[in-house]
Amino acid sequence: MIIPIRCFSCGKPIGHLYEEYRERVDKGEDAKKVLDSLEVERYCCRAVFLGQVDLIDIAGAFKKG
């Protein structure tokens, strides 16, 4: 799944925040603190970030056939 440009529920633009979120969480920061500092306050928007699973690399390994 690729991060959506806008939240599915409320429509707030969130796509531009995902790269910074991913970098900071990969460095070891707590996801809650990162989302708070990025000012992602609504639970629906936070759920998009926390529920994100990067499958693009796995799906790209299969050939069209």
PDB file of N, CA and C in Angstrom:
ATOM      1  N   MET A   1       0.842  -1.180   0.000  1.00  0.00           N
ATOM      2  CA  MET A   1       0.000   0.000   0.000  1.00  0.00           C
ATOM      3  C   MET A   1       0.885   1.242   0.000  1.00  0.00           C
ATOM      4  N   ILE A   2       0.489   2.229  -0.731  1.00  0.00           N
ATOM      5  CA  ILE A   2       1.179   3.502  -0.770  1.00  0.00           C
ATOM      6  C   ILE A   2       0.379   4.486   0.075  1.00  0.00           C
ATOM      7  N   ILE A   3       1.067   5.319   0.831  1.00  0.00           N
ATOM      8  CA  ILE A   3       0.381   6.264   1.717  1.00  0.00           C
ATOM      9  C   ILE A   3      -0.525   7.180   0.890  1.00  0.00           C
ATOM     10  N   PRO A   4      -1.774   7.369   1.323  1.00  0.00           N
ATOM     11  CA  PRO A   4      -2.683   8.242   0.574  1.00  0.00           C
ATOM     12  C   PRO A   4      -2.309   9.715   0.746  1.00  0.00           C
ATOM     13  N   ILE A   5      -2.657  10.526  -0.222  1.00  0.00           N
ATOM     14  CA  ILE A   5      -2.400  11.963  -0.156  1.00  0.00           C
ATOM     15  C   ILE A   5      -3.240  12.596   0.946  1.00  0.00           C
ATOM     16  N   ARG A   6      -4.477  12.167   1.049  1.00  0.00           N
ATOM     17  CA  ARG A   6      -5.401  12.697   2.059  1.00  0.00           C
ATOM     18  C   ARG A   6      -5.914  11.560   2.941  1.00  0.00           C
ATOM     19  N   CYS A   7      -6.311  11.931   4.149  1.00  0.00           N
ATOM     20  CA  CYS A   7      -6.913  10.959   5.069  1.00  0.00           C
ATOM     21  C   CYS A   7      -8.207  10.431   4.458  1.00  0.00           C
ATOM     22  N   PHE A   8      -8.458   9.141   4.620  1.00  0.00           N
ATOM     23  CA  PHE A   8      -9.663   8.534   4.057  1.00  0.00           C
ATOM     24  C   PHE A   8     -10.936   9.092   4.687  1.00  0.00           C
ATOM     25  N   SER A   9     -10.899   9.403   5.977  1.00  0.00           N
ATOM     26  CA  SER A   9     -12.099   9.817   6.693  1.00  0.00           C
ATOM     27  C   SER A   9     -12.370  11.312   6.630  1.00  0.00           C
ATOM     28  N   CYS A  10     -11.382  12.127   6.980  1.00  0.00           N
ATOM     29  CA  CYS A  10     -11.622  13.561   7.122  1.00  0.00           C
ATOM     30  C   CYS A  10     -11.123  14.386   5.948  1.00  0.00           C
ATOM     31  N   GLY A  11     -10.244  13.846   5.115  1.00  0.00           N
ATOM     32  CA  GLY A  11      -9.766  14.564   3.952  1.00  0.00           C
ATOM     33  C   GLY A  11      -8.576  15.473   4.193  1.00  0.00           C
ATOM     34  N   LYS A  12      -7.999  15.439   5.394  1.00  0.00           N
ATOM     35  CA  LYS A  12      -6.841  16.288   5.692  1.00  0.00           C
ATOM     36  C   LYS A  12      -5.622  15.799   4.898  1.00  0.00           C
ATOM     37  N   PRO A  13      -4.849  16.691   4.285  1.00  0.00           N
ATOM     38  CA  PRO A  13      -3.644  16.281   3.560  1.00  0.00           C
ATOM     39  C   PRO A  13      -2.588  15.726   4.524  1.00  0.00           C
ATOM     40  N   ILE A  14      -2.165  14.487   4.290  1.00  0.00           N
ATOM     41  CA  ILE A  14      -1.183  13.855   5.188  1.00  0.00           C
ATOM     42  C   ILE A  14      -0.034  13.203   4.435  1.00  0.00           C
ATOM     43  N   GLY A  15      -0.123  13.107   3.133  1.00  0.00           N
ATOM     44  CA  GLY A  15       0.882  12.403   2.336  1.00  0.00           C
ATOM     45  C   GLY A  15       2.270  12.998   2.447  1.00  0.00           C
ATOM     46  N   HIS A  16       2.367  14.311   2.594  1.00  0.00           N
ATOM     47  CA  HIS A  16       3.663  14.975   2.651  1.00  0.00           C
ATOM     48  C   HIS A  16       4.389  14.736   3.975  1.00  0.00           C
ATOM     49  N   LEU A  17       3.700  14.213   4.976  1.00  0.00           N
ATOM     50  CA  LEU A  17       4.288  13.987   6.294  1.00  0.00           C
ATOM     51  C   LEU A  17       4.873  12.587   6.449  1.00  0.00           C
ATOM     52  N   TYR A  18       4.511  11.676   5.559  1.00  0.00           N
ATOM     53  CA  TYR A  18       4.866  10.268   5.760  1.00  0.00           C
ATOM     54  C   TYR A  18       6.369  10.012   5.703  1.00  0.00           C
ATOM     55  N   GLU A  19       7.075  10.661   4.798  1.00  0.00           N
ATOM     56  CA  GLU A  19       8.510  10.406   4.657  1.00  0.00           C
ATOM     57  C   GLU A  19       9.270  10.784   5.935  1.00  0.00           C
ATOM     58  N   GLU A  20       8.956  11.949   6.486  1.00  0.00           N
ATOM     59  CA  GLU A  20       9.610  12.359   7.734  1.00  0.00           C
ATOM     60  C   GLU A  20       9.224  11.426   8.879  1.00  0.00           C
ATOM     61  N   TYR A  21       7.950  11.039   8.932  1.00  0.00           N
ATOM     62  CA  TYR A  21       7.484  10.099   9.956  1.00  0.00           C
ATOM     63  C   TYR A  21       8.269   8.785   9.881  1.00  0.00           C
ATOM     64  N   ARG A  22       8.392   8.227   8.685  1.00  0.00           N
ATOM     65  CA  ARG A  22       9.087   6.948   8.501  1.00  0.00           C
ATOM     66  C   ARG A  22      10.561   7.044   8.896  1.00  0.00           C
ATOM     67  N   GLU A  23      11.234   8.131   8.502  1.00  0.00           N
ATOM     68  CA  GLU A  23      12.646   8.312   8.836  1.00  0.00           C
ATOM     69  C   GLU A  23      12.857   8.377  10.340  1.00  0.00           C
ATOM     70  N   ARG A  24      12.009   9.140  11.009  1.00  0.00           N
ATOM     71  CA  ARG A  24      12.178   9.318  12.454  1.00  0.00           C
ATOM     72  C   ARG A  24      11.854   8.053  13.233  1.00  0.00           C
ATOM     73  N   VAL A  25      10.842   7.321  12.797  1.00  0.00           N
ATOM     74  CA  VAL A  25      10.489   6.065  13.475  1.00  0.00           C
ATOM     75  C   VAL A  25      11.576   5.016  13.230  1.00  0.00           C
ATOM     76  N   ASP A  26      12.140   4.988  12.027  1.00  0.00           N
ATOM     77  CA  ASP A  26      13.224   4.047  11.734  1.00  0.00           C
ATOM     78  C   ASP A  26      14.471   4.339  12.556  1.00  0.00           C
ATOM     79  N   LYS A  27      14.673   5.595  12.934  1.00  0.00           N
ATOM     80  CA  LYS A  27      15.812   5.963  13.773  1.00  0.00           C
ATOM     81  C   LYS A  27      15.600   5.588  15.233  1.00  0.00           C
ATOM     82  N   GLY A  28      14.372   5.218  15.606  1.00  0.00           N
ATOM     83  CA  GLY A  28      14.107   4.740  16.947  1.00  0.00           C
ATOM     84  C   GLY A  28      13.211   5.627  17.789  1.00  0.00           C
ATOM     85  N   GLU A  29      12.687   6.694  17.234  1.00  0.00           N
ATOM     86  CA  GLU A  29      11.789   7.558  17.997  1.00  0.00           C
ATOM     87  C   GLU A  29      10.432   6.883  18.169  1.00  0.00           C
ATOM     88  N   ASP A  30       9.739   7.265  19.221  1.00  0.00           N
ATOM     89  CA  ASP A  30       8.414   6.728  19.503  1.00  0.00           C
ATOM     90  C   ASP A  30       7.414   7.292  18.496  1.00  0.00           C
ATOM     91  N   ALA A  31       6.570   6.449  17.935  1.00  0.00           N
ATOM     92  CA  ALA A  31       5.616   6.866  16.907  1.00  0.00           C
ATOM     93  C   ALA A  31       4.657   7.923  17.430  1.00  0.00           C
ATOM     94  N   LYS A  32       4.238   7.810  18.681  1.00  0.00           N
ATOM     95  CA  LYS A  32       3.319   8.792  19.264  1.00  0.00           C
ATOM     96  C   LYS A  32       3.949  10.173  19.314  1.00  0.00           C
ATOM     97  N   LYS A  33       5.196  10.247  19.726  1.00  0.00           N
ATOM     98  CA  LYS A  33       5.873  11.539  19.822  1.00  0.00           C
ATOM     99  C   LYS A  33       6.099  12.147  18.440  1.00  0.00           C
ATOM    100  N   VAL A  34       6.408  11.301  17.458  1.00  0.00           N
ATOM    101  CA  VAL A  34       6.615  11.794  16.096  1.00  0.00           C
ATOM    102  C   VAL A  34       5.315  12.359  15.541  1.00  0.00           C
ATOM    103  N   LEU A  35       4.206  11.646  15.716  1.00  0.00           N
ATOM    104  CA  LEU A  35       2.921  12.129  15.219  1.00  0.00           C
ATOM    105  C   LEU A  35       2.504  13.409  15.932  1.00  0.00           C
ATOM    106  N   ASP A  36       2.792  13.511  17.233  1.00  0.00           N
ATOM    107  CA  ASP A  36       2.485  14.736  17.967  1.00  0.00           C
ATOM    108  C   ASP A  36       3.297  15.911  17.437  1.00  0.00           C
ATOM    109  N   SER A  37       4.568  15.699  17.154  1.00  0.00           N
ATOM    110  CA  SER A  37       5.408  16.787  16.668  1.00  0.00           C
ATOM    111  C   SER A  37       5.055  17.192  15.231  1.00  0.00           C
ATOM    112  N   LEU A  38       4.526  16.253  14.447  1.00  0.00           N
ATOM    113  CA  LEU A  38       4.069  16.563  13.092  1.00  0.00           C
ATOM    114  C   LEU A  38       2.660  17.150  13.084  1.00  0.00           C
ATOM    115  N   GLU A  39       2.062  17.279  14.267  1.00  0.00           N
ATOM    116  CA  GLU A  39       0.723  17.837  14.460  1.00  0.00           C
ATOM    117  C   GLU A  39      -0.360  17.027  13.758  1.00  0.00           C
ATOM    118  N   VAL A  40      -0.219  15.708  13.809  1.00  0.00           N
ATOM    119  CA  VAL A  40      -1.267  14.803  13.330  1.00  0.00           C
ATOM    120  C   VAL A  40      -2.093  14.462  14.557  1.00  0.00           C
ATOM    121  N   GLU A  41      -3.240  15.143  14.709  1.00  0.00           N
ATOM    122  CA  GLU A  41      -4.001  15.050  15.952  1.00  0.00           C
ATOM    123  C   GLU A  41      -5.214  14.132  15.873  1.00  0.00           C
ATOM    124  N   ARG A  42      -5.852  14.077  14.730  1.00  0.00           N
ATOM    125  CA  ARG A  42      -7.075  13.287  14.614  1.00  0.00           C
ATOM    126  C   ARG A  42      -6.761  11.795  14.607  1.00  0.00           C
ATOM    127  N   TYR A  43      -7.594  11.025  15.260  1.00  0.00           N
ATOM    128  CA  TYR A  43      -7.344   9.587  15.346  1.00  0.00           C
ATOM    129  C   TYR A  43      -7.448   8.904  14.002  1.00  0.00           C
ATOM    130  N   CYS A  44      -8.269   9.455  13.101  1.00  0.00           N
ATOM    131  CA  CYS A  44      -8.392   8.819  11.789  1.00  0.00           C
ATOM    132  C   CYS A  44      -7.098   8.995  10.992  1.00  0.00           C
ATOM    133  N   CYS A  45      -6.469  10.160  11.098  1.00  0.00           N
ATOM    134  CA  CYS A  45      -5.211  10.411  10.395  1.00  0.00           C
ATOM    135  C   CYS A  45      -4.080   9.591  11.007  1.00  0.00           C
ATOM    136  N   ARG A  46      -4.076   9.486  12.321  1.00  0.00           N
ATOM    137  CA  ARG A  46      -3.043   8.707  13.008  1.00  0.00           C
ATOM    138  C   ARG A  46      -3.153   7.233  12.637  1.00  0.00           C
ATOM    139  N   ALA A  47      -4.370   6.756  12.447  1.00  0.00           N
ATOM    140  CA  ALA A  47      -4.585   5.361  12.082  1.00  0.00           C
ATOM    141  C   ALA A  47      -4.015   5.050  10.702  1.00  0.00           C
ATOM    142  N   VAL A  48      -4.063   6.026   9.789  1.00  0.00           N
ATOM    143  CA  VAL A  48      -3.489   5.823   8.461  1.00  0.00           C
ATOM    144  C   VAL A  48      -1.989   5.594   8.578  1.00  0.00           C
ATOM    145  N   PHE A  49      -1.319   6.390   9.416  1.00  0.00           N
ATOM    146  CA  PHE A  49       0.128   6.247   9.598  1.00  0.00           C
ATOM    147  C   PHE A  49       0.468   4.941  10.317  1.00  0.00           C
ATOM    148  N   LEU A  50      -0.242   4.644  11.385  1.00  0.00           N
ATOM    149  CA  LEU A  50       0.079   3.464  12.184  1.00  0.00           C
ATOM    150  C   LEU A  50      -0.307   2.163  11.490  1.00  0.00           C
ATOM    151  N   GLY A  51      -1.295   2.219  10.605  1.00  0.00           N
ATOM    152  CA  GLY A  51      -1.739   1.021   9.906  1.00  0.00           C
ATOM    153  C   GLY A  51      -1.035   0.783   8.582  1.00  0.00           C
ATOM    154  N   GLN A  52      -0.109   1.650   8.232  1.00  0.00           N
ATOM    155  CA  GLN A  52       0.601   1.547   6.959  1.00  0.00           C
ATOM    156  C   GLN A  52       1.562   0.359   6.947  1.00  0.00           C
ATOM    157  N   VAL A  53       1.466  -0.472   5.924  1.00  0.00           N
ATOM    158  CA  VAL A  53       2.381  -1.589   5.725  1.00  0.00           C
ATOM    159  C   VAL A  53       2.965  -1.439   4.324  1.00  0.00           C
ATOM    160  N   ASP A  54       4.282  -1.352   4.238  1.00  0.00           N
ATOM    161  CA  ASP A  54       4.934  -1.171   2.944  1.00  0.00           C
ATOM    162  C   ASP A  54       5.020  -2.502   2.206  1.00  0.00           C
ATOM    163  N   LEU A  55       4.188  -2.663   1.193  1.00  0.00           N
ATOM    164  CA  LEU A  55       4.143  -3.898   0.411  1.00  0.00           C
ATOM    165  C   LEU A  55       4.618  -3.688  -1.019  1.00  0.00           C
ATOM    166  N   ILE A  56       4.996  -2.470  -1.373  1.00  0.00           N
ATOM    167  CA  ILE A  56       5.340  -2.175  -2.759  1.00  0.00           C
ATOM    168  C   ILE A  56       6.551  -2.988  -3.223  1.00  0.00           C
ATOM    169  N   ASP A  57       7.535  -3.206  -2.346  1.00  0.00           N
ATOM    170  CA  ASP A  57       8.706  -3.994  -2.721  1.00  0.00           C
ATOM    171  C   ASP A  57       8.356  -5.465  -2.934  1.00  0.00           C
ATOM    172  N   ILE A  58       7.461  -5.989  -2.127  1.00  0.00           N
ATOM    173  CA  ILE A  58       7.051  -7.380  -2.247  1.00  0.00           C
ATOM    174  C   ILE A  58       6.220  -7.575  -3.525  1.00  0.00           C
ATOM    175  N   ALA A  59       5.290  -6.656  -3.770  1.00  0.00           N
ATOM    176  CA  ALA A  59       4.435  -6.762  -4.946  1.00  0.00           C
ATOM    177  C   ALA A  59       5.234  -6.543  -6.232  1.00  0.00           C
ATOM    178  N   GLY A  60       6.268  -5.723  -6.163  1.00  0.00           N
ATOM    179  CA  GLY A  60       7.079  -5.454  -7.350  1.00  0.00           C
ATOM    180  C   GLY A  60       7.934  -6.621  -7.783  1.00  0.00           C
ATOM    181  N   ALA A  61       8.117  -7.616  -6.919  1.00  0.00           N
ATOM    182  CA  ALA A  61       8.948  -8.770  -7.247  1.00  0.00           C
ATOM    183  C   ALA A  61       8.247  -9.746  -8.192  1.00  0.00           C
ATOM    184  N   PHE A  62       6.926  -9.660  -8.319  1.00  0.00           N
ATOM    185  CA  PHE A  62       6.177 -10.586  -9.158  1.00  0.00           C
ATOM    186  C   PHE A  62       6.068 -10.053 -10.582  1.00  0.00           C
ATOM    187  N   LYS A  63       6.173 -10.969 -11.528  1.00  0.00           N
ATOM    188  CA  LYS A  63       6.042 -10.591 -12.928  1.00  0.00           C
ATOM    189  C   LYS A  63       4.572 -10.566 -13.324  1.00  0.00           C
ATOM    190  N   LYS A  64       4.286  -9.683 -14.271  1.00  0.00           N
ATOM    191  CA  LYS A  64       2.957  -9.694 -14.848  1.00  0.00           C
ATOM    192  C   LYS A  64       2.869 -10.871 -15.791  1.00  0.00           C
ATOM    193  N   GLY A  65       1.792 -11.577 -15.748  1.00  0.00           N
ATOM    194  CA  GLY A  65       1.848 -12.711 -16.583  1.00  0.00           C
ATOM    195  C   GLY A  65       0.647 -13.209 -17.168  1.00  0.00           C
TER     196      GLY A  65
END
